[in-house]
Amino acid sequence: MAKIAALTNTAEFSVTELSAALKRTVEDAYGHVRVRGEITGFRGPHASGHCYFSLKDEGAKIEAVIWKGVHGRMRFKPQEGLEVIATGKLTTYPGSSKYQIVIEALEPAGVGALMALMEERKAKLAAEGLFDAARKQLLPYLPEVIGVVTSPTGAVIRDILHRLADRFPRRVLVWPVRVQGEGSAEQVAAAIDGFNALPPDGAIPRPDLLIVARGGGSLEDLWSFNEEIVVRAAAASMIPLIAAVGHETDVTLIDFAADKRAPTPTAAAEMAVPVRAELFVEVTGLSRRMMLCWQRGQERRRTELRAAARALPAAADLLALPRQRLDNASTALPRALRASSHAHQRRFAQASAGLTLNVLRAQLALAGHRLDAAGERLSRCGRTALRQRRERFDALAARLQTATLANLQARRHHLAREQERLQRLSERSRRALTVAIQQQRARIHHAGQLLGALSYRGVLARGFALVRDENGAALPTAASIAPGARLMLEFADGRIGAIAEGEPSARGVQPQTTAEPQAKPVRSAPAKRAAKSSDQGSLF
């Protein structure tokens, strides 16, 4: 009987309450964990933007989820079959009675995974043609402005500036970026795009050459320069770009997309500009050779001029024949003028003889006939052109009317389809609202049941009583009750007053009080039963 009573007094849980208790237990015990395993079942982000997949090893598998906001901020994205180290917290999903890890950060498990990911990304970008040699540009021989994308606090920028000052000082624009860690890839890509977006004649000059530089480091440190956003920005740069990332043995994907790869940042500065002293020597030598060539040319022309001068005849010999021809022409000129005047006079007389009044009238009549014929032809052409234009206009009007009717019919069909779609959507919204209201009512009902299970009135209903003082405050122990104190006993069905007697014993049992009929107050039967059962203590 005692065993049956114990089982009867065991608290009952609903399925929701038990699932919530298990959820709190798992989250409190495993609030923040790091799990290593292989990604399986990953098919890309869900339509909602969340990612659902599993992590497995040789002996077990755990469900995993990445929320949409976390997935958008991740530098390393999940891929099927990749071994990773996931950081997050464990929780449960009551809808299917399973536990899962909510991932907050994801990183590849070791250098081998990074190399595999790098090779896969390299093959993908190469297939798109970003590494083709035909896309690469020639570097300018002597750029006026050089843009450098690197960290402003590292030794790389000092090495580049020092090397440029030694070889050929040029104007340098530095775009400060982070070259390692979260957000570094986005900053490097934004710097390359920003230099390309500068106007050629703006307040800030547009660079003729770009250098993307960083010092050496491990593969994880240089991973920002393997990101797609950086590689695509380098390939799309219209300004020639030199990649100088890491040491000579370090290889990143930006090296394949850049127009030129430098083994070190110092070597990039050497590729950017020539040596000024060597240019001075070369220019001096070229100027000396040009002067010698000019002098030899002048001497050769002077010699040729002297030889040509010796071969030319004297000026008197050259002018003798023209002078004689001039004298003959001046002698024959008066006779030729008189003969030309007589010939023109005869031609004028012949022409004036034909210009009589009858001839002029005949010419005017002929011109009038020609004018009337041309007017008739013009009128017929005008009527023909007008008729053709009217026929064309009628055809266009008929086509326009047909097109208008067809468009109106299409718009009516479209409006009918939209009205049907609106009706379907409104019906779906009403059903969704009904389901949501039912779910909220179920939650409120479950919460009310949980509140009733946790309320102290359920304890009072099983035969217990709550002891309060005259101010209504709960009294948890017998030691807090003074002799003669006025008490208030609360049962499941009401409250009654009582007065405390005697002193509390060490075990919390009331000692027997001395019988004093004259001073003993009168108590009701329920109060006596409450005093006898006060050794049970209080749940509060």
Protein backbone atom coordinates (compact mmCIF):
# COMPACT_ATOMS: atom_id res chain seq x y z
CA MET A 1 0.00 0.00 0.00
CA ALA A 2 2.89 2.34 0.82
CA LYS A 3 4.44 1.66 -2.59
CA ILE A 4 1.17 2.39 -4.35
CA ALA A 5 0.84 5.65 -2.39
CA ALA A 6 4.40 6.66 -3.36
CA LEU A 7 3.64 6.06 -7.01
CA THR A 8 0.43 8.01 -6.68
CA ASN A 9 2.25 11.03 -5.21
CA THR A 10 4.79 11.15 -8.11
CA ALA A 11 4.37 14.35 -10.10
CA GLU A 12 2.85 13.95 -13.53
CA PHE A 13 4.42 15.59 -16.61
CA SER A 14 2.86 16.27 -19.94
CA VAL A 15 4.88 15.49 -23.05
CA THR A 16 5.54 19.19 -23.60
CA GLU A 17 6.70 19.68 -19.99
CA LEU A 18 9.01 16.67 -20.16
CA SER A 19 10.47 17.83 -23.49
CA ALA A 20 11.06 21.31 -22.05
CA ALA A 21 12.78 19.84 -18.98
CA LEU A 22 15.05 17.68 -21.16
CA LYS A 23 15.84 20.72 -23.33
CA ARG A 24 16.88 22.79 -20.29
CA THR A 25 18.99 19.90 -18.96
CA VAL A 26 20.91 19.44 -22.23
CA GLU A 27 21.45 23.17 -22.77
CA ASP A 28 22.64 23.71 -19.17
CA ALA A 29 25.03 20.74 -19.27
CA TYR A 30 26.44 21.44 -22.77
CA GLY A 31 26.12 25.17 -23.19
CA HIS A 32 29.16 25.58 -25.46
CA VAL A 33 30.97 22.70 -27.23
CA ARG A 34 33.41 22.07 -30.09
CA VAL A 35 32.68 19.02 -32.24
CA ARG A 36 34.87 17.51 -34.95
CA GLY A 37 33.25 15.46 -37.67
CA GLU A 38 32.45 15.05 -41.35
CA ILE A 39 29.58 16.97 -42.98
CA THR A 40 26.93 14.69 -44.47
CA GLY A 41 23.50 15.31 -45.91
CA PHE A 42 24.25 18.94 -46.85
CA ARG A 43 22.25 20.06 -49.90
CA GLY A 44 22.77 23.79 -49.63
CA PRO A 45 20.76 26.37 -47.67
CA HIS A 46 17.03 25.77 -47.21
CA ALA A 47 14.48 28.05 -48.83
CA SER A 48 14.30 29.90 -45.50
CA GLY A 49 18.07 30.50 -45.56
CA HIS A 50 18.84 28.05 -42.72
CA CYS A 51 21.22 25.09 -43.23
CA TYR A 52 20.38 21.57 -42.02
CA PHE A 53 22.86 18.67 -42.17
CA SER A 54 24.65 16.12 -39.93
CA LEU A 55 28.12 15.64 -38.43
CA LYS A 56 29.40 12.07 -38.29
CA ASP A 57 32.47 10.04 -37.45
CA GLU A 58 33.18 6.30 -37.31
CA GLY A 59 30.69 5.55 -34.54
CA ALA A 60 27.97 8.20 -34.31
CA LYS A 61 26.10 11.01 -36.02
CA ILE A 62 24.58 14.25 -34.67
CA GLU A 63 22.15 16.58 -36.36
CA ALA A 64 23.35 20.16 -36.97
CA VAL A 65 21.70 23.44 -37.93
CA ILE A 66 23.09 26.86 -38.92
CA TRP A 67 20.69 29.78 -38.75
CA LYS A 68 20.40 32.16 -41.70
CA GLY A 69 22.07 35.15 -40.03
CA VAL A 70 25.04 33.08 -38.81
CA HIS A 71 25.48 31.44 -42.24
CA GLY A 72 25.64 34.85 -43.93
CA ARG A 73 28.47 36.00 -41.62
CA MET A 74 30.53 32.80 -41.94
CA ARG A 75 33.83 33.12 -43.78
CA PHE A 76 34.06 29.33 -44.20
CA LYS A 77 30.91 27.78 -45.70
CA PRO A 78 29.85 24.14 -45.13
CA GLN A 79 30.38 21.62 -47.94
CA GLU A 80 29.35 18.00 -48.33
CA GLY A 81 32.02 15.49 -47.21
CA LEU A 82 34.35 18.08 -45.62
CA GLU A 83 35.83 17.40 -42.18
CA VAL A 84 35.27 20.42 -39.95
CA ILE A 85 35.38 21.62 -36.35
CA ALA A 86 32.00 23.10 -35.35
CA THR A 87 31.51 25.39 -32.36
CA GLY A 88 28.05 25.86 -30.90
CA LYS A 89 25.60 24.70 -28.27
CA LEU A 90 23.60 21.51 -27.86
CA THR A 91 19.82 21.61 -27.70
CA THR A 92 16.85 19.37 -28.41
CA TYR A 93 14.08 19.49 -30.97
CA PRO A 94 10.83 18.36 -29.24
CA GLY A 95 9.04 17.93 -32.56
CA SER A 96 11.04 14.77 -33.40
CA SER A 97 12.54 13.82 -29.98
CA LYS A 98 16.15 14.31 -31.07
CA TYR A 99 19.10 16.40 -29.98
CA GLN A 100 21.12 18.66 -32.28
CA ILE A 101 23.92 21.21 -32.28
CA VAL A 102 23.26 24.82 -33.22
CA ILE A 103 26.50 25.87 -34.93
CA GLU A 104 27.85 29.37 -34.34
CA ALA A 105 31.30 28.99 -35.98
CA LEU A 106 32.78 26.57 -38.51
CA GLU A 107 36.40 25.93 -39.46
CA PRO A 108 38.17 23.21 -41.48
CA ALA A 109 39.81 20.40 -39.53
CA GLY A 110 43.51 20.77 -40.37
CA VAL A 111 45.65 21.93 -43.28
CA GLY A 112 44.68 18.94 -45.43
CA ALA A 113 41.07 20.06 -45.55
CA LEU A 114 42.14 23.61 -46.41
CA MET A 115 44.34 22.36 -49.24
CA ALA A 116 41.51 20.21 -50.60
CA LEU A 117 39.14 23.17 -50.44
CA MET A 118 41.73 25.40 -52.10
CA GLU A 119 42.27 22.92 -54.96
CA GLU A 120 38.52 22.57 -55.47
CA ARG A 121 38.06 26.35 -55.53
CA LYS A 122 41.03 26.73 -57.87
CA ALA A 123 39.55 24.24 -60.35
CA LYS A 124 36.17 26.00 -60.19
CA LEU A 125 37.61 29.47 -60.85
CA ALA A 126 39.94 28.17 -63.56
CA ALA A 127 36.94 26.62 -65.32
CA GLU A 128 35.33 30.07 -65.36
CA GLY A 129 38.42 31.46 -67.15
CA LEU A 130 39.60 33.79 -64.36
CA PHE A 131 43.17 32.47 -64.61
CA ASP A 132 43.54 32.65 -68.42
CA ALA A 133 46.70 34.31 -69.69
CA ALA A 134 44.68 36.26 -72.27
CA ARG A 135 43.01 38.23 -69.45
CA LYS A 136 46.30 39.49 -67.98
CA GLN A 137 47.43 43.05 -68.67
CA LEU A 138 50.93 44.43 -69.25
CA LEU A 139 52.45 46.44 -66.41
CA PRO A 140 53.18 50.14 -67.13
CA TYR A 141 56.90 50.88 -67.56
CA LEU A 142 56.94 53.90 -65.25
CA PRO A 143 53.65 54.47 -63.37
CA GLU A 144 52.94 57.91 -62.00
CA VAL A 145 50.77 56.72 -59.07
CA ILE A 146 51.00 53.30 -57.37
CA GLY A 147 48.16 51.98 -55.19
CA VAL A 148 49.09 49.59 -52.36
CA VAL A 149 46.52 47.40 -50.59
CA THR A 150 48.02 46.15 -47.32
CA SER A 151 48.07 46.66 -43.57
CA PRO A 152 49.30 50.14 -42.58
CA THR A 153 50.99 48.86 -39.40
CA GLY A 154 53.05 45.98 -40.81
CA ALA A 155 56.59 45.88 -42.14
CA VAL A 156 55.36 45.23 -45.69
CA ILE A 157 54.41 48.84 -46.47
CA ARG A 158 57.74 50.10 -45.09
CA ASP A 159 59.67 47.65 -47.28
CA ILE A 160 57.72 48.71 -50.37
CA LEU A 161 58.17 52.44 -49.71
CA HIS A 162 61.88 51.99 -48.96
CA ARG A 163 62.44 49.98 -52.15
CA LEU A 164 60.53 52.50 -54.28
CA ALA A 165 62.57 55.35 -52.79
CA ASP A 166 65.82 53.52 -53.65
CA ARG A 167 64.84 52.67 -57.24
CA PHE A 168 62.54 55.45 -58.48
CA PRO A 169 60.42 57.56 -56.08
CA ARG A 170 56.77 57.57 -57.13
CA ARG A 171 53.54 58.79 -55.56
CA VAL A 172 52.04 55.98 -53.44
CA LEU A 173 48.41 55.70 -52.29
CA VAL A 174 47.87 53.21 -49.43
CA TRP A 175 44.45 51.66 -48.84
CA PRO A 176 44.63 50.27 -45.27
CA VAL A 177 42.97 46.86 -44.84
CA ARG A 178 43.06 43.87 -42.56
CA VAL A 179 45.14 41.08 -44.09
CA GLN A 180 44.10 38.33 -41.66
CA GLY A 181 41.02 37.26 -39.72
CA GLU A 182 37.31 37.80 -40.12
CA GLY A 183 36.29 40.48 -42.61
CA SER A 184 39.76 40.79 -44.15
CA ALA A 185 38.74 39.28 -47.50
CA GLU A 186 35.85 41.72 -47.87
CA GLN A 187 38.15 44.66 -47.07
CA VAL A 188 40.78 43.59 -49.64
CA ALA A 189 38.13 43.14 -52.35
CA ALA A 190 36.57 46.50 -51.46
CA ALA A 191 40.01 48.18 -51.69
CA ILE A 192 40.64 46.78 -55.20
CA ASP A 193 37.17 47.84 -56.37
CA GLY A 194 37.61 51.23 -54.70
CA PHE A 195 40.86 51.98 -56.56
CA ASN A 196 39.20 50.98 -59.85
CA ALA A 197 36.21 53.24 -59.10
CA LEU A 198 38.35 56.40 -58.73
CA PRO A 199 37.86 58.86 -61.65
CA PRO A 200 40.97 59.58 -63.73
CA ASP A 201 40.70 63.35 -63.20
CA GLY A 202 39.35 63.39 -59.65
CA ALA A 203 40.73 64.94 -56.48
CA ILE A 204 42.38 61.62 -55.62
CA PRO A 205 44.40 60.42 -58.62
CA ARG A 206 43.59 57.01 -60.07
CA PRO A 207 46.58 54.64 -59.70
CA ASP A 208 48.36 53.31 -62.78
CA LEU A 209 49.39 50.13 -60.93
CA LEU A 210 48.08 48.18 -57.90
CA ILE A 211 50.09 46.07 -55.44
CA VAL A 212 48.27 43.69 -53.08
CA ALA A 213 50.85 42.71 -50.48
CA ARG A 214 51.14 40.75 -47.23
CA GLY A 215 53.97 39.13 -45.29
CA GLY A 216 54.48 35.41 -44.88
CA GLY A 217 52.44 33.13 -42.66
CA SER A 218 50.67 29.82 -42.41
CA LEU A 219 47.97 28.65 -44.80
CA GLU A 220 45.30 29.69 -42.29
CA ASP A 221 46.83 33.19 -42.02
CA LEU A 222 46.88 33.61 -45.81
CA TRP A 223 43.40 32.13 -46.34
CA SER A 224 41.78 35.53 -46.91
CA PHE A 225 43.59 35.74 -50.27
CA ASN A 226 42.03 32.39 -51.31
CA GLU A 227 38.47 33.65 -50.95
CA GLU A 228 36.37 33.95 -54.12
CA ILE A 229 35.50 37.59 -53.47
CA VAL A 230 39.20 38.57 -53.50
CA VAL A 231 40.06 36.45 -56.56
CA ARG A 232 37.10 37.80 -58.55
CA ALA A 233 37.97 41.40 -57.60
CA ALA A 234 41.59 40.88 -58.74
CA ALA A 235 40.48 39.31 -62.04
CA ALA A 236 37.97 42.14 -62.69
CA SER A 237 40.47 44.94 -61.97
CA MET A 238 40.99 47.25 -64.95
CA ILE A 239 44.21 48.55 -63.33
CA PRO A 240 47.22 46.20 -63.73
CA LEU A 241 47.71 44.32 -60.46
CA ILE A 242 50.73 42.69 -58.82
CA ALA A 243 50.08 40.04 -56.13
CA ALA A 244 52.80 39.88 -53.46
CA VAL A 245 51.31 37.65 -50.76
CA GLY A 246 53.61 35.69 -48.45
CA HIS A 247 57.09 34.45 -49.22
CA GLU A 248 58.34 32.83 -52.40
CA THR A 249 57.10 29.36 -51.39
CA ASP A 250 53.58 30.57 -50.43
CA VAL A 251 50.92 30.17 -53.11
CA THR A 252 47.43 31.71 -52.97
CA LEU A 253 44.62 31.91 -55.52
CA ILE A 254 45.07 35.65 -56.01
CA ASP A 255 48.49 34.88 -57.54
CA PHE A 256 46.75 33.14 -60.48
CA ALA A 257 44.20 35.92 -61.03
CA ALA A 258 46.69 38.81 -60.77
CA ASP A 259 48.44 40.21 -63.84
CA LYS A 260 51.84 39.54 -62.25
CA ARG A 261 52.97 37.52 -59.22
CA ALA A 262 55.86 38.72 -57.07
CA PRO A 263 57.64 36.31 -54.70
CA THR A 264 57.91 38.99 -51.99
CA PRO A 265 56.55 42.52 -51.42
CA THR A 266 60.06 43.91 -52.05
CA ALA A 267 60.17 42.13 -55.40
CA ALA A 268 56.78 43.67 -56.23
CA ALA A 269 58.26 47.15 -55.72
CA GLU A 270 61.16 46.20 -58.00
CA MET A 271 58.71 45.04 -60.70
CA ALA A 272 56.70 48.26 -60.40
CA VAL A 273 59.45 50.78 -61.27
CA PRO A 274 62.88 50.67 -62.96
CA VAL A 275 66.13 51.92 -61.38
CA ARG A 276 66.44 55.67 -61.82
CA ALA A 277 70.26 55.67 -61.94
CA GLU A 278 70.23 53.10 -64.73
CA LEU A 279 67.67 55.20 -66.61
CA PHE A 280 69.93 58.26 -66.23
CA VAL A 281 72.88 56.37 -67.66
CA GLU A 282 70.77 54.98 -70.50
CA VAL A 283 69.23 58.38 -71.33
CA THR A 284 72.67 60.02 -71.26
CA GLY A 285 74.05 57.39 -73.63
CA LEU A 286 71.07 57.75 -75.96
CA SER A 287 71.35 61.55 -75.99
CA ARG A 288 75.08 61.31 -76.80
CA ARG A 289 74.38 58.84 -79.60
CA MET A 290 71.57 61.06 -80.91
CA MET A 291 73.90 64.10 -80.98
CA LEU A 292 76.56 62.16 -82.86
CA CYS A 293 74.01 60.90 -85.36
CA TRP A 294 72.71 64.45 -85.86
CA GLN A 295 76.19 65.83 -86.41
CA ARG A 296 77.01 63.13 -88.95
CA GLY A 297 73.73 63.80 -90.75
CA GLN A 298 74.40 67.53 -90.89
CA GLU A 299 77.92 66.94 -92.24
CA ARG A 300 76.57 64.58 -94.91
CA ARG A 301 73.92 67.12 -95.98
CA ARG A 302 76.54 69.89 -96.09
CA THR A 303 78.73 67.77 -98.40
CA GLU A 304 75.78 66.97 -100.66
CA LEU A 305 74.87 70.67 -100.81
CA ARG A 306 78.38 71.63 -101.90
CA ALA A 307 78.38 68.94 -104.62
CA ALA A 308 74.95 70.07 -105.87
CA ALA A 309 76.08 73.71 -105.91
CA ARG A 310 79.06 72.85 -108.09
CA ALA A 311 76.83 71.02 -110.59
CA LEU A 312 74.31 73.86 -110.98
CA PRO A 313 74.70 76.34 -114.00
CA ALA A 314 75.13 80.10 -113.58
CA ALA A 315 72.10 82.35 -113.05
CA ALA A 316 72.67 84.23 -116.35
CA ASP A 317 72.65 80.97 -118.31
CA LEU A 318 69.42 79.87 -116.67
CA LEU A 319 67.62 83.19 -117.48
CA ALA A 320 68.83 83.66 -121.08
CA LEU A 321 66.15 81.54 -122.82
CA PRO A 322 63.23 82.77 -120.70
CA ARG A 323 64.28 86.36 -121.32
CA GLN A 324 64.34 85.79 -125.11
CA ARG A 325 60.89 84.14 -125.06
CA LEU A 326 59.56 87.13 -123.10
CA ASP A 327 60.83 89.61 -125.69
CA ASN A 328 59.18 87.63 -128.53
CA ALA A 329 55.87 87.45 -126.69
CA SER A 330 55.84 91.18 -125.93
CA THR A 331 56.43 91.94 -129.63
CA ALA A 332 53.54 89.71 -130.81
CA LEU A 333 51.06 90.82 -128.11
CA PRO A 334 49.56 93.99 -129.83
CA ARG A 335 48.79 92.15 -133.07
CA ALA A 336 47.16 89.28 -131.14
CA LEU A 337 44.97 91.71 -129.17
CA ARG A 338 43.65 93.38 -132.33
CA ALA A 339 42.90 90.03 -134.00
CA SER A 340 41.05 88.79 -130.87
CA SER A 341 38.94 91.98 -130.76
CA HIS A 342 37.86 91.59 -134.42
CA ALA A 343 36.92 87.92 -133.86
CA HIS A 344 34.78 88.69 -130.79
CA GLN A 345 33.04 91.54 -132.66
CA ARG A 346 32.04 89.19 -135.49
CA ARG A 347 30.63 86.62 -133.03
CA PHE A 348 28.63 89.33 -131.25
CA ALA A 349 27.12 90.56 -134.52
CA GLN A 350 26.07 87.03 -135.50
CA ALA A 351 24.44 86.44 -132.11
CA SER A 352 22.56 89.79 -132.10
CA ALA A 353 21.12 89.07 -135.54
CA GLY A 354 19.22 86.05 -134.15
CA LEU A 355 17.72 87.91 -131.15
CA THR A 356 14.46 89.25 -132.73
CA LEU A 357 11.00 89.79 -131.14
CA ASN A 358 9.42 86.73 -132.82
CA VAL A 359 12.17 84.46 -131.60
CA LEU A 360 11.71 85.66 -128.04
CA ARG A 361 7.93 85.11 -128.25
CA ALA A 362 8.41 81.56 -129.59
CA GLN A 363 10.79 80.79 -126.75
CA LEU A 364 8.31 82.19 -124.20
CA ALA A 365 5.48 80.05 -125.64
CA LEU A 366 7.65 76.94 -125.54
CA ALA A 367 8.57 77.67 -121.92
CA GLY A 368 4.85 78.13 -121.07
CA HIS A 369 3.95 74.75 -122.60
CA ARG A 370 6.73 73.12 -120.64
CA LEU A 371 5.49 74.80 -117.44
CA ASP A 372 1.88 73.60 -117.98
CA ALA A 373 3.06 70.03 -118.62
CA ALA A 374 5.19 70.07 -115.48
CA GLY A 375 2.24 71.40 -113.42
CA GLU A 376 -0.04 68.63 -114.70
CA ARG A 377 2.55 66.01 -113.88
CA LEU A 378 3.01 67.52 -110.42
CA SER A 379 -0.75 67.42 -109.75
CA ARG A 380 -1.03 63.77 -110.83
CA CYS A 381 1.98 62.83 -108.63
CA GLY A 382 0.42 64.68 -105.67
CA ARG A 383 -2.89 62.82 -106.01
CA THR A 384 -1.10 59.47 -106.36
CA ALA A 385 1.11 60.13 -103.30
CA LEU A 386 -1.94 61.25 -101.26
CA ARG A 387 -3.87 58.11 -102.22
CA GLN A 388 -0.90 55.87 -101.26
CA ARG A 389 -0.50 57.65 -97.89
CA ARG A 390 -4.24 57.32 -97.19
CA GLU A 391 -4.16 53.58 -97.95
CA ARG A 392 -1.11 53.11 -95.73
CA PHE A 393 -2.78 55.10 -92.94
CA ASP A 394 -5.95 52.95 -93.19
CA ALA A 395 -3.84 49.75 -92.95
CA LEU A 396 -1.96 51.08 -89.91
CA ALA A 397 -5.24 52.11 -88.24
CA ALA A 398 -6.65 48.61 -88.76
CA ARG A 399 -3.50 47.03 -87.29
CA LEU A 400 -3.60 49.43 -84.34
CA GLN A 401 -7.26 48.59 -83.64
CA THR A 402 -6.52 44.84 -83.80
CA ALA A 403 -3.49 45.21 -81.50
CA THR A 404 -5.55 47.32 -79.06
CA LEU A 405 -8.28 44.70 -78.87
CA ALA A 406 -5.72 41.90 -78.40
CA ASN A 407 -3.93 43.84 -75.66
CA LEU A 408 -7.25 44.58 -73.92
CA GLN A 409 -8.19 40.87 -74.03
CA ALA A 410 -4.75 39.89 -72.65
CA ARG A 411 -5.09 42.41 -69.81
CA ARG A 412 -8.54 41.01 -68.96
CA HIS A 413 -7.13 37.46 -68.84
CA HIS A 414 -4.27 38.69 -66.66
CA LEU A 415 -6.66 40.43 -64.26
CA ALA A 416 -8.79 37.28 -64.05
CA ARG A 417 -5.72 35.17 -63.22
CA GLU A 418 -4.61 37.68 -60.59
CA GLN A 419 -8.08 37.68 -59.01
CA GLU A 420 -8.03 33.88 -58.81
CA ARG A 421 -4.54 34.01 -57.30
CA LEU A 422 -5.71 36.63 -54.76
CA GLN A 423 -8.64 34.42 -53.76
CA ARG A 424 -6.32 31.43 -53.29
CA LEU A 425 -3.91 33.49 -51.20
CA SER A 426 -6.73 34.89 -49.04
CA GLU A 427 -8.04 31.35 -48.45
CA ARG A 428 -4.56 30.15 -47.48
CA SER A 429 -4.13 33.14 -45.13
CA ARG A 430 -7.47 32.36 -43.42
CA ARG A 431 -6.47 28.72 -42.96
CA ALA A 432 -3.02 29.73 -41.65
CA LEU A 433 -4.62 32.20 -39.20
CA THR A 434 -7.00 29.50 -37.95
CA VAL A 435 -4.13 27.05 -37.42
CA ALA A 436 -2.05 29.71 -35.63
CA ILE A 437 -4.95 30.57 -33.30
CA GLN A 438 -5.45 26.86 -32.50
CA GLN A 439 -1.75 26.46 -31.74
CA GLN A 440 -1.75 29.49 -29.43
CA ARG A 441 -4.84 28.20 -27.62
CA ALA A 442 -3.11 24.83 -27.13
CA ARG A 443 -0.03 26.57 -25.73
CA ILE A 444 -2.15 28.65 -23.33
CA HIS A 445 -3.99 25.49 -22.22
CA HIS A 446 -0.70 23.66 -21.60
CA ALA A 447 0.69 26.66 -19.71
CA GLY A 448 -2.43 26.71 -17.53
CA GLN A 449 -1.99 23.02 -16.78
CA LEU A 450 1.68 23.59 -15.86
CA LEU A 451 0.72 26.54 -13.64
CA GLY A 452 -1.88 24.43 -11.89
CA ALA A 453 0.64 21.62 -11.36
CA LEU A 454 3.20 24.02 -9.84
CA SER A 455 0.68 25.98 -7.68
CA TYR A 456 0.77 25.47 -3.92
CA ARG A 457 -3.00 25.08 -3.90
CA GLY A 458 -2.52 21.60 -5.35
CA VAL A 459 -0.48 20.77 -2.24
CA LEU A 460 -3.25 22.14 0.01
CA ALA A 461 -5.75 19.93 -1.81
CA ARG A 462 -3.76 16.83 -0.72
CA GLY A 463 -4.30 17.62 3.03
CA PHE A 464 -1.57 20.13 3.83
CA ALA A 465 -2.05 23.58 5.39
CA LEU A 466 -0.22 26.90 4.98
CA VAL A 467 0.65 28.78 8.22
CA ARG A 468 0.67 32.59 8.10
CA ASP A 469 1.09 35.24 10.77
CA GLU A 470 -1.47 37.94 11.51
CA ASN A 471 0.04 40.12 8.75
CA GLY A 472 -0.41 37.36 6.15
CA ALA A 473 3.31 36.42 5.83
CA ALA A 474 4.12 32.69 5.50
CA LEU A 475 5.90 31.04 8.49
CA PRO A 476 8.26 28.30 7.23
CA THR A 477 9.61 27.04 10.65
CA ALA A 478 8.28 26.50 14.16
CA ALA A 479 11.10 28.59 15.63
CA SER A 480 9.73 31.69 13.92
CA ILE A 481 6.42 31.41 15.88
CA ALA A 482 6.31 33.04 19.31
CA PRO A 483 4.04 31.62 22.08
CA GLY A 484 0.63 33.22 22.05
CA ALA A 485 1.06 34.52 18.48
CA ARG A 486 -2.02 34.82 16.36
CA LEU A 487 -1.87 32.54 13.34
CA MET A 488 -3.86 32.07 10.17
CA LEU A 489 -4.19 28.49 8.83
CA GLU A 490 -5.06 28.21 5.12
CA PHE A 491 -6.64 24.99 3.88
CA ALA A 492 -7.82 24.04 0.46
CA ASP A 493 -11.38 25.04 1.25
CA GLY A 494 -10.78 28.17 3.41
CA ARG A 495 -8.92 29.86 6.27
CA ILE A 496 -9.27 29.77 10.09
CA GLY A 497 -7.55 31.61 12.96
CA ALA A 498 -5.44 30.00 15.72
CA ILE A 499 -3.18 30.92 18.68
CA ALA A 500 0.23 29.27 19.23
CA GLU A 501 0.94 27.54 22.58
CA GLY A 502 4.16 26.37 24.22
CA GLU A 503 7.79 26.67 23.04
CA PRO A 504 9.15 24.90 19.92
CA SER A 505 11.38 21.89 20.67
CA ALA A 506 14.80 21.27 19.10
CA ARG A 507 13.28 18.88 16.56
CA GLY A 508 10.49 21.23 15.66
CA VAL A 509 7.86 19.27 17.73
CA GLN A 510 5.68 21.37 20.03
CA PRO A 511 6.17 20.52 23.75
CA GLN A 512 3.23 19.89 26.02
CA THR A 513 2.02 23.10 27.60
CA THR A 514 0.99 23.50 31.25
CA ALA A 515 -2.75 23.23 31.73
CA GLU A 516 -4.17 26.57 32.79
CA PRO A 517 -7.89 26.48 32.32
CA GLN A 518 -8.34 30.13 33.17
CA ALA A 519 -5.80 31.46 30.55
CA LYS A 520 -6.28 28.77 27.88
CA PRO A 521 -8.13 30.18 24.88
CA VAL A 522 -10.95 28.38 23.24
CA ARG A 523 -10.08 26.93 19.85
CA SER A 524 -12.15 25.27 17.23
CA ALA A 525 -11.70 21.66 16.22
CA PRO A 526 -9.98 22.42 12.93
CA ALA A 527 -7.46 24.63 14.73
CA LYS A 528 -6.62 21.74 17.11
CA ARG A 529 -6.02 19.41 14.18
CA ALA A 530 -3.80 22.03 12.56
CA ALA A 531 -1.75 22.38 15.78
CA LYS A 532 -1.27 18.61 16.03
CA SER A 533 -0.05 18.35 12.43
CA SER A 534 2.28 21.39 12.61
CA ASP A 535 5.31 19.07 12.90
CA GLN A 536 4.93 18.31 9.17
CA GLY A 537 6.61 21.63 8.31
CA SER A 538 5.78 23.85 5.34
CA LEU A 539 6.52 23.44 1.67
CA PHE A 540 7.22 27.21 1.45
